[in-house]
Structure formats: structure tokens, C-alpha cells
Amino acid sequence: MPVVGLRTWRLAQPEARRVPLRRARDADEAVRLAVRAARRDARRRARTWLS
């Protein structure tokens, strides 16, 4: 599930692991980032819970 933060903090986890949070400057950019991430995620997970 893509998460987009609108003008939010940067997050860092221990051991330098990536935090799956996209940062946007405004609402338009947030929508673009969310749609792009959802499409990318959908291609990766083409299987359903039944498959």
C-alpha cells in the first residue's frame, strides 16, 4: 500500500532501512505520486488471494 505524505517529516529507521513513504510538496503532486505507486504496486502483485 503506497503512503504519500503531504509536506511531512522525513523518517529514518534503524539500520538504514528504507521507509516506504513518498513525500509531496502539494496535493497535485501527492495524487500523481500515489497513482504512480499504486500502478507499480499492482503490476508487482498481479495475483489475487485465490491464486
C-alpha atoms as a PDB file:
ATOM      1  CA  MET A   1       0.000   0.000   0.000  1.00  0.00           C
ATOM      2  CA  PRO A   2       1.662   3.238  -1.072  1.00  0.00           C
ATOM      3  CA  VAL A   3       1.770   6.027   1.505  1.00  0.00           C
ATOM      4  CA  VAL A   4       2.191   9.641   0.423  1.00  0.00           C
ATOM      5  CA  GLY A   5       2.859  12.376   2.959  1.00  0.00           C
ATOM      6  CA  LEU A   6       1.934  15.958   2.141  1.00  0.00           C
ATOM      7  CA  ARG A   7       4.729  18.265   3.371  1.00  0.00           C
ATOM      8  CA  THR A   8       5.665  15.849   6.133  1.00  0.00           C
ATOM      9  CA  TRP A   9       8.767  14.819   8.055  1.00  0.00           C
ATOM     10  CA  ARG A  10      11.474  12.552   6.785  1.00  0.00           C
ATOM     11  CA  LEU A  11      11.520   9.223   8.571  1.00  0.00           C
ATOM     12  CA  ALA A  12      14.526   7.028   9.208  1.00  0.00           C
ATOM     13  CA  GLN A  13      14.545   3.525  10.593  1.00  0.00           C
ATOM     14  CA  PRO A  14      17.409   1.839  12.409  1.00  0.00           C
ATOM     15  CA  GLU A  15      19.959   0.039  10.290  1.00  0.00           C
ATOM     16  CA  ALA A  16      19.310   2.448   7.384  1.00  0.00           C
ATOM     17  CA  ARG A  17      16.289   0.517   6.112  1.00  0.00           C
ATOM     18  CA  ARG A  18      14.068   2.396   3.670  1.00  0.00           C
ATOM     19  CA  VAL A  19      10.815   3.857   4.900  1.00  0.00           C
ATOM     20  CA  PRO A  20       8.137   3.372   2.217  1.00  0.00           C
ATOM     21  CA  LEU A  21       6.842   6.942   2.418  1.00  0.00           C
ATOM     22  CA  ARG A  22       6.703   9.266  -0.574  1.00  0.00           C
ATOM     23  CA  ARG A  23       6.856  12.982   0.185  1.00  0.00           C
ATOM     24  CA  ALA A  24       4.894  15.538  -1.851  1.00  0.00           C
ATOM     25  CA  ARG A  25       5.062  19.344  -1.904  1.00  0.00           C
ATOM     26  CA  ASP A  26       1.387  19.868  -2.757  1.00  0.00           C
ATOM     27  CA  ALA A  27      -1.878  17.986  -3.285  1.00  0.00           C
ATOM     28  CA  ASP A  28      -1.415  17.614  -7.055  1.00  0.00           C
ATOM     29  CA  GLU A  29       1.983  16.037  -6.627  1.00  0.00           C
ATOM     30  CA  ALA A  30       0.614  13.774  -3.869  1.00  0.00           C
ATOM     31  CA  VAL A  31      -2.064  12.434  -6.212  1.00  0.00           C
ATOM     32  CA  ARG A  32       0.458  11.833  -9.005  1.00  0.00           C
ATOM     33  CA  LEU A  33       2.819  10.004  -6.651  1.00  0.00           C
ATOM     34  CA  ALA A  34       0.012   7.876  -5.167  1.00  0.00           C
ATOM     35  CA  VAL A  35      -1.367   6.856  -8.569  1.00  0.00           C
ATOM     36  CA  ARG A  36       2.105   6.036  -9.915  1.00  0.00           C
ATOM     37  CA  ALA A  37       2.972   3.979  -6.827  1.00  0.00           C
ATOM     38  CA  ALA A  38      -0.366   2.132  -6.909  1.00  0.00           C
ATOM     39  CA  ARG A  39       0.103   1.220 -10.573  1.00  0.00           C
ATOM     40  CA  ARG A  40       3.638  -0.007  -9.900  1.00  0.00           C
ATOM     41  CA  ASP A  41       2.399  -1.998  -6.897  1.00  0.00           C
ATOM     42  CA  ALA A  42      -0.482  -3.514  -8.908  1.00  0.00           C
ATOM     43  CA  ARG A  43       1.914  -4.767 -11.604  1.00  0.00           C
ATOM     44  CA  ARG A  44       4.051  -6.417  -8.946  1.00  0.00           C
ATOM     45  CA  ARG A  45       1.096  -8.072  -7.244  1.00  0.00           C
ATOM     46  CA  ALA A  46      -0.964  -9.254 -10.163  1.00  0.00           C
ATOM     47  CA  ARG A  47      -2.046 -12.336  -8.238  1.00  0.00           C
ATOM     48  CA  THR A  48      -5.192 -12.375  -6.127  1.00  0.00           C
ATOM     49  CA  TRP A  49      -5.685 -14.022  -2.761  1.00  0.00           C
ATOM     50  CA  LEU A  50      -7.090 -17.039  -4.593  1.00  0.00           C
ATOM     51  CA  SER A  51      -4.007 -17.608  -6.720  1.00  0.00           C
END
